[in-house]
Amino acid sequence: MSGGSRGVPQPHSRNLGETNILNSNKTVHHRRVKRFGHYGFLPYVLIFPLVVFIGILAVYPTALTFIESFFNVNPLDPPVRFIGFGNYLKIFANPNVNNSWVNSMLYVGFGVVIVTVLAMAIAYALRENFPGRGIVLAIVVLPWALPGVTEGIIWAWIYNSDFGVLNSILKSLHIIREYQIWLSSSRGLTIFFIELVQAWQITPLATILILSSLQSIPGELYDAAKVDGAGRWRTFFGITVPLIRAGLSVAVVESVIVSLNIFDQVYVLNGNAATGSSIMLQTYNITFQNLNFGQGYALSFLAVMITMLISVGVLRLVYRRVEY
């Protein structure tokens, strides 16, 4: 009996073995979840084509631009030769470039304020269903579909000092006595009116981003705030603003990027006048009018780096992860 029972596995020892295997599998699973998340490699597989596309479209040209910025690349001054930081020193010493940097920062300041205020107001008005909401939303999105040059031409008629709609409306309302020159009269007004055209174009995108965040907020939170006696402003700043930070941060970053890289509207409405010149316009002038590709590469790379730094700063300032 004792000899025959030796080959039969005991129930207790078998349970211990199965328990050890289960614990080992759980440990591996927990490590995998901790490292790759609950979905494993799937998110990385899905995002890989996008990473490759961005790498080909953005990272490679940026790296090539950075390398070329250390060379003298000018058909009027051959041959191509390495000059180190010579291009950067020359563009920093260029007063037109420095003036354009100041203008570009003003474009960003005006753009962020105008776009954020307009987008939040429009999105807040469109958050509820009402008759004709789809038509209103289509009208709001329309400027986003127009090319920048087309928008510049349309607004050039609006701003025209002889027959412009803006002057006509303001004079009919007795706000001004005679038609005004809105562009090229002063730096502040010129940049404000040009950025207003840019804001008209990018506000629809910001509105959609904020509207999607608004519609994701559970209505129970507003009901609870109402029961607690919270007023409209307290509810707005205590519930709405914190919970739309994700969409709001993307909208603000988008306005920063587009405003800092404004070109079409400046070129159509203001030409090469220094009062509204942007850094992208200076890059175009240096690269394609002066044929100094080396300095153009340097200025383009600086614009990319500054855009990235400001965008990261805005994300860290505005974005907060909120759970409810």
Protein backbone atom coordinates (compact mmCIF):
# COMPACT_ATOMS: atom_id res chain seq x y z
CA MET A 1 0.00 0.00 0.00
CA SER A 2 2.76 2.39 0.98
CA GLY A 3 4.81 1.56 -2.12
CA GLY A 4 1.85 2.03 -4.44
CA SER A 5 0.90 5.38 -2.93
CA ARG A 6 4.33 6.90 -3.52
CA GLY A 7 3.66 7.49 -7.26
CA VAL A 8 0.32 9.16 -6.70
CA PRO A 9 0.65 12.96 -6.39
CA GLN A 10 -0.80 14.30 -3.20
CA PRO A 11 -3.67 16.83 -3.54
CA HIS A 12 -1.93 19.35 -1.31
CA SER A 13 1.29 19.36 -3.33
CA ARG A 14 -0.65 19.68 -6.61
CA ASN A 15 -2.57 22.69 -5.29
CA LEU A 16 0.67 24.32 -4.22
CA GLY A 17 2.12 23.85 -7.69
CA GLU A 18 -0.93 25.32 -9.39
CA THR A 19 -0.91 28.23 -6.95
CA ASN A 20 2.75 28.96 -7.72
CA ILE A 21 2.03 28.91 -11.46
CA LEU A 22 -0.95 31.24 -11.05
CA ASN A 23 1.07 33.62 -8.88
CA SER A 24 3.87 33.60 -11.45
CA ASN A 25 1.42 34.37 -14.27
CA LYS A 26 -0.14 37.17 -12.23
CA THR A 27 3.31 38.66 -11.55
CA VAL A 28 4.18 38.61 -15.26
CA HIS A 29 0.77 40.10 -16.09
CA HIS A 30 1.18 42.88 -13.52
CA ARG A 31 4.65 43.70 -14.85
CA ARG A 32 3.31 43.79 -18.41
CA VAL A 33 0.38 46.00 -17.39
CA LYS A 34 2.70 48.31 -15.47
CA ARG A 35 5.05 48.62 -18.43
CA PHE A 36 2.70 48.62 -21.43
CA GLY A 37 -0.77 49.23 -19.97
CA HIS A 38 -3.85 47.03 -20.06
CA TYR A 39 -3.89 46.89 -23.87
CA GLY A 40 -0.34 45.60 -24.28
CA PHE A 41 1.39 46.43 -27.54
CA LEU A 42 -1.79 47.33 -29.43
CA PRO A 43 -1.59 51.14 -28.89
CA TYR A 44 2.04 51.13 -30.05
CA VAL A 45 1.16 49.13 -33.16
CA LEU A 46 -1.69 51.49 -34.02
CA ILE A 47 0.36 54.65 -33.50
CA PHE A 48 3.47 53.37 -35.32
CA PRO A 49 2.34 54.45 -38.85
CA LEU A 50 1.59 57.94 -37.51
CA VAL A 51 5.03 58.13 -35.89
CA VAL A 52 6.67 57.12 -39.18
CA PHE A 53 4.58 59.66 -41.09
CA ILE A 54 5.46 62.49 -38.67
CA GLY A 55 9.10 61.46 -38.76
CA ILE A 56 9.22 61.68 -42.56
CA LEU A 57 7.12 64.84 -42.74
CA ALA A 58 8.50 66.82 -39.78
CA VAL A 59 11.49 65.33 -37.95
CA TYR A 60 13.65 64.61 -41.01
CA PRO A 61 13.17 68.07 -42.62
CA THR A 62 13.81 69.75 -39.24
CA ALA A 63 17.03 67.80 -38.76
CA LEU A 64 18.12 68.60 -42.31
CA THR A 65 17.31 72.29 -41.78
CA PHE A 66 19.38 72.31 -38.59
CA ILE A 67 22.39 70.82 -40.39
CA GLU A 68 22.10 73.17 -43.38
CA SER A 69 21.86 76.20 -41.07
CA PHE A 70 25.59 75.85 -40.33
CA PHE A 71 26.53 76.24 -44.00
CA ASN A 72 26.65 79.14 -46.40
CA VAL A 73 24.03 78.16 -48.98
CA ASN A 74 23.69 81.06 -51.38
CA PRO A 75 23.65 80.83 -55.18
CA LEU A 76 24.97 84.41 -55.29
CA ASP A 77 27.92 83.53 -53.03
CA PRO A 78 29.21 80.06 -54.00
CA PRO A 79 30.45 77.56 -53.03
CA VAL A 80 28.55 75.90 -50.17
CA ARG A 81 30.86 75.99 -47.15
CA PHE A 82 30.71 75.43 -43.42
CA ILE A 83 30.52 78.70 -41.45
CA GLY A 84 29.45 77.46 -38.01
CA PHE A 85 27.14 79.88 -36.20
CA GLY A 86 27.68 82.59 -38.80
CA ASN A 87 24.11 82.46 -40.08
CA TYR A 88 22.69 82.72 -36.57
CA LEU A 89 24.91 85.69 -35.70
CA LYS A 90 23.83 87.51 -38.86
CA ILE A 91 20.10 87.03 -38.32
CA PHE A 92 20.41 88.14 -34.68
CA ALA A 93 22.14 91.30 -35.90
CA ASN A 94 19.45 91.95 -38.52
CA PRO A 95 17.09 94.72 -37.26
CA ASN A 96 14.29 93.58 -39.59
CA VAL A 97 14.41 90.10 -38.07
CA ASN A 98 14.40 91.47 -34.52
CA ASN A 99 11.43 93.68 -35.35
CA SER A 100 9.61 90.67 -36.80
CA TRP A 101 10.21 88.66 -33.61
CA VAL A 102 8.50 91.40 -31.59
CA ASN A 103 5.62 91.50 -34.06
CA SER A 104 5.26 87.72 -33.94
CA MET A 105 5.02 87.75 -30.15
CA LEU A 106 2.27 90.37 -30.46
CA TYR A 107 0.50 88.16 -33.02
CA VAL A 108 0.64 85.29 -30.52
CA GLY A 109 -0.65 87.45 -27.66
CA PHE A 110 -3.57 88.83 -29.64
CA GLY A 111 -4.31 85.45 -31.22
CA VAL A 112 -4.46 83.46 -27.99
CA VAL A 113 -6.78 85.97 -26.30
CA ILE A 114 -9.12 86.47 -29.28
CA VAL A 115 -9.35 82.79 -30.22
CA THR A 116 -9.79 81.55 -26.65
CA VAL A 117 -12.52 84.04 -25.79
CA LEU A 118 -14.43 83.59 -29.06
CA ALA A 119 -14.11 79.79 -29.09
CA MET A 120 -15.32 79.41 -25.50
CA ALA A 121 -18.24 81.77 -26.07
CA ILE A 122 -19.35 80.03 -29.29
CA ALA A 123 -18.85 76.53 -27.87
CA TYR A 124 -20.79 77.45 -24.74
CA ALA A 125 -23.65 78.74 -26.90
CA LEU A 126 -23.65 75.59 -29.06
CA ARG A 127 -23.47 73.05 -26.26
CA GLU A 128 -27.26 72.67 -26.10
CA ASN A 129 -29.48 71.39 -28.91
CA PHE A 130 -31.74 74.00 -30.51
CA PRO A 131 -33.49 74.35 -33.88
CA GLY A 132 -30.99 75.16 -36.63
CA ARG A 133 -27.96 74.16 -34.52
CA GLY A 134 -26.47 72.16 -37.40
CA ILE A 135 -26.75 75.13 -39.77
CA VAL A 136 -25.13 77.46 -37.23
CA LEU A 137 -22.31 74.97 -36.65
CA ALA A 138 -21.71 74.69 -40.42
CA ILE A 139 -21.51 78.51 -40.70
CA VAL A 140 -19.09 78.63 -37.78
CA VAL A 141 -16.82 76.00 -39.39
CA LEU A 142 -16.85 77.65 -42.84
CA PRO A 143 -13.89 80.07 -42.31
CA TRP A 144 -11.70 77.12 -41.35
CA ALA A 145 -12.13 75.67 -44.85
CA LEU A 146 -11.01 78.83 -46.67
CA PRO A 147 -7.35 79.28 -47.73
CA GLY A 148 -5.41 82.02 -45.98
CA VAL A 149 -4.88 83.99 -49.18
CA THR A 150 -8.62 84.00 -49.90
CA GLU A 151 -9.34 85.23 -46.40
CA GLY A 152 -6.74 87.94 -46.80
CA ILE A 153 -8.37 89.19 -50.00
CA ILE A 154 -11.85 89.18 -48.41
CA TRP A 155 -10.68 91.13 -45.39
CA ALA A 156 -8.67 93.52 -47.55
CA TRP A 157 -12.02 94.66 -48.99
CA ILE A 158 -13.45 94.93 -45.48
CA TYR A 159 -10.50 97.04 -44.27
CA ASN A 160 -10.27 99.18 -47.42
CA SER A 161 -9.91 102.85 -46.54
CA ASP A 162 -12.03 104.03 -49.51
CA PHE A 163 -14.98 101.64 -49.70
CA GLY A 164 -14.44 99.12 -46.89
CA VAL A 165 -17.37 97.62 -45.03
CA LEU A 166 -15.76 98.28 -41.65
CA ASN A 167 -15.47 102.00 -42.28
CA SER A 168 -19.01 102.11 -43.68
CA ILE A 169 -20.52 100.41 -40.62
CA LEU A 170 -18.58 102.49 -38.10
CA LYS A 171 -19.44 105.73 -39.87
CA SER A 172 -23.14 104.82 -40.10
CA LEU A 173 -23.09 104.20 -36.34
CA HIS A 174 -21.38 107.59 -35.85
CA ILE A 175 -18.39 105.96 -34.19
CA ILE A 176 -15.98 107.58 -36.66
CA ARG A 177 -16.39 110.80 -38.63
CA GLU A 178 -14.39 109.83 -41.71
CA TYR A 179 -12.97 106.69 -43.26
CA GLN A 180 -9.84 105.38 -41.52
CA ILE A 181 -6.69 103.61 -42.68
CA TRP A 182 -6.64 100.50 -40.51
CA LEU A 183 -3.50 98.84 -41.80
CA SER A 184 0.07 100.19 -41.80
CA SER A 185 -0.91 103.19 -39.68
CA SER A 186 0.60 101.83 -36.46
CA ARG A 187 2.16 98.59 -35.30
CA GLY A 188 -0.47 97.74 -32.69
CA LEU A 189 -3.50 98.33 -34.90
CA THR A 190 -1.94 96.63 -37.91
CA ILE A 191 -1.06 93.49 -35.96
CA PHE A 192 -4.44 93.44 -34.21
CA PHE A 193 -6.45 93.68 -37.44
CA ILE A 194 -4.30 91.13 -39.27
CA GLU A 195 -4.49 88.71 -36.34
CA LEU A 196 -8.25 89.21 -36.28
CA VAL A 197 -8.31 87.67 -39.77
CA GLN A 198 -6.15 84.79 -38.55
CA ALA A 199 -8.43 84.32 -35.54
CA TRP A 200 -11.45 84.22 -37.86
CA GLN A 201 -9.83 81.25 -39.57
CA ILE A 202 -8.69 79.18 -36.58
CA THR A 203 -11.53 79.91 -34.12
CA PRO A 204 -13.75 77.18 -35.69
CA LEU A 205 -11.17 74.49 -34.87
CA ALA A 206 -10.78 75.78 -31.32
CA THR A 207 -14.56 75.89 -30.99
CA ILE A 208 -14.90 72.23 -32.02
CA LEU A 209 -12.18 71.18 -29.57
CA ILE A 210 -13.77 73.03 -26.66
CA LEU A 211 -17.28 71.97 -27.66
CA SER A 212 -16.29 68.31 -27.62
CA SER A 213 -14.89 68.76 -24.11
CA LEU A 214 -18.05 70.54 -22.98
CA GLN A 215 -20.28 67.77 -24.27
CA SER A 216 -18.25 65.14 -22.38
CA ILE A 217 -19.07 66.70 -18.98
CA PRO A 218 -21.78 64.69 -17.19
CA GLY A 219 -24.95 66.66 -16.56
CA GLU A 220 -25.14 65.21 -13.04
CA LEU A 221 -22.29 67.48 -11.98
CA TYR A 222 -24.26 70.59 -12.93
CA ASP A 223 -27.36 69.20 -11.20
CA ALA A 224 -25.36 68.60 -8.03
CA ALA A 225 -23.88 72.10 -8.18
CA LYS A 226 -27.35 73.56 -8.61
CA VAL A 227 -28.62 71.65 -5.60
CA ASP A 228 -25.67 72.94 -3.57
CA GLY A 229 -26.65 76.48 -4.50
CA ALA A 230 -23.69 77.25 -6.77
CA GLY A 231 -24.24 80.24 -9.06
CA ARG A 232 -23.55 80.43 -12.78
CA TRP A 233 -20.04 81.87 -12.49
CA ARG A 234 -19.05 79.53 -9.67
CA THR A 235 -20.27 76.57 -11.71
CA PHE A 236 -18.42 77.82 -14.78
CA PHE A 237 -15.07 78.26 -13.02
CA GLY A 238 -15.52 75.34 -10.63
CA ILE A 239 -16.79 72.68 -13.02
CA THR A 240 -16.71 73.77 -16.66
CA VAL A 241 -13.23 75.29 -16.90
CA PRO A 242 -11.39 72.50 -15.03
CA LEU A 243 -13.11 69.78 -17.04
CA ILE A 244 -12.44 71.33 -20.46
CA ARG A 245 -8.73 71.84 -19.83
CA ALA A 246 -7.80 69.05 -22.27
CA GLY A 247 -9.64 70.60 -25.22
CA LEU A 248 -8.77 74.12 -24.12
CA SER A 249 -5.04 73.36 -23.94
CA VAL A 250 -5.02 71.92 -27.47
CA ALA A 251 -6.98 74.93 -28.74
CA VAL A 252 -4.55 77.38 -27.13
CA VAL A 253 -1.52 75.51 -28.47
CA GLU A 254 -3.08 75.51 -31.94
CA SER A 255 -3.61 79.27 -31.78
CA VAL A 256 -0.02 79.76 -30.61
CA ILE A 257 1.41 77.69 -33.46
CA VAL A 258 -0.73 79.28 -36.17
CA SER A 259 -0.25 82.84 -34.88
CA LEU A 260 3.52 82.46 -34.56
CA ASN A 261 3.72 81.09 -38.10
CA ILE A 262 1.32 83.58 -39.71
CA PHE A 263 2.28 84.41 -43.30
CA ASP A 264 -0.55 84.45 -45.86
CA GLN A 265 -2.65 87.14 -44.19
CA VAL A 266 0.41 89.32 -43.52
CA TYR A 267 1.62 89.05 -47.09
CA VAL A 268 -1.79 89.84 -48.61
CA LEU A 269 -2.88 92.60 -46.21
CA ASN A 270 0.41 94.30 -45.35
CA GLY A 271 3.00 93.29 -47.93
CA ASN A 272 6.58 93.83 -46.74
CA ALA A 273 5.77 96.79 -44.49
CA ALA A 274 7.70 96.62 -41.22
CA THR A 275 4.64 97.54 -39.11
CA GLY A 276 3.13 94.07 -39.46
CA SER A 277 6.02 91.93 -40.67
CA SER A 278 6.06 88.43 -39.14
CA ILE A 279 8.96 86.07 -38.65
CA MET A 280 7.64 83.81 -41.41
CA LEU A 281 7.53 86.76 -43.81
CA GLN A 282 11.15 87.56 -42.96
CA THR A 283 12.07 83.92 -43.53
CA TYR A 284 10.45 84.12 -46.97
CA ASN A 285 12.24 87.38 -47.81
CA ILE A 286 15.66 86.11 -46.70
CA THR A 287 15.32 82.72 -48.36
CA PHE A 288 13.54 83.40 -51.64
CA GLN A 289 14.07 87.10 -52.31
CA ASN A 290 17.64 87.44 -51.06
CA LEU A 291 18.42 83.79 -51.99
CA ASN A 292 20.30 83.37 -48.71
CA PHE A 293 19.18 79.83 -47.95
CA GLY A 294 21.62 79.36 -45.08
CA GLN A 295 20.17 82.23 -43.06
CA GLY A 296 16.69 81.11 -44.04
CA TYR A 297 17.43 77.64 -42.64
CA ALA A 298 18.73 79.17 -39.40
CA LEU A 299 15.69 81.41 -38.98
CA SER A 300 13.30 78.55 -39.76
CA PHE A 301 14.96 76.29 -37.20
CA LEU A 302 14.77 79.01 -34.53
CA ALA A 303 11.09 79.50 -35.30
CA VAL A 304 10.48 75.75 -34.90
CA MET A 305 12.33 75.63 -31.57
CA ILE A 306 10.58 78.70 -30.16
CA THR A 307 7.20 77.37 -31.29
CA MET A 308 7.94 74.08 -29.55
CA LEU A 309 9.07 75.76 -26.32
CA ILE A 310 6.03 78.03 -26.14
CA SER A 311 3.69 75.14 -26.93
CA VAL A 312 5.20 72.94 -24.21
CA GLY A 313 4.98 75.85 -21.76
CA VAL A 314 1.32 76.43 -22.60
CA LEU A 315 0.53 72.72 -22.17
CA ARG A 316 2.20 72.63 -18.76
CA LEU A 317 0.36 75.78 -17.74
CA VAL A 318 -3.12 74.97 -19.02
CA TYR A 319 -3.46 71.18 -19.16
CA ARG A 320 -4.46 69.27 -16.06
CA ARG A 321 -5.62 65.68 -15.88
CA VAL A 322 -9.05 65.62 -14.28
CA GLU A 323 -10.94 62.54 -13.18
CA TYR A 324 -14.58 62.46 -12.16
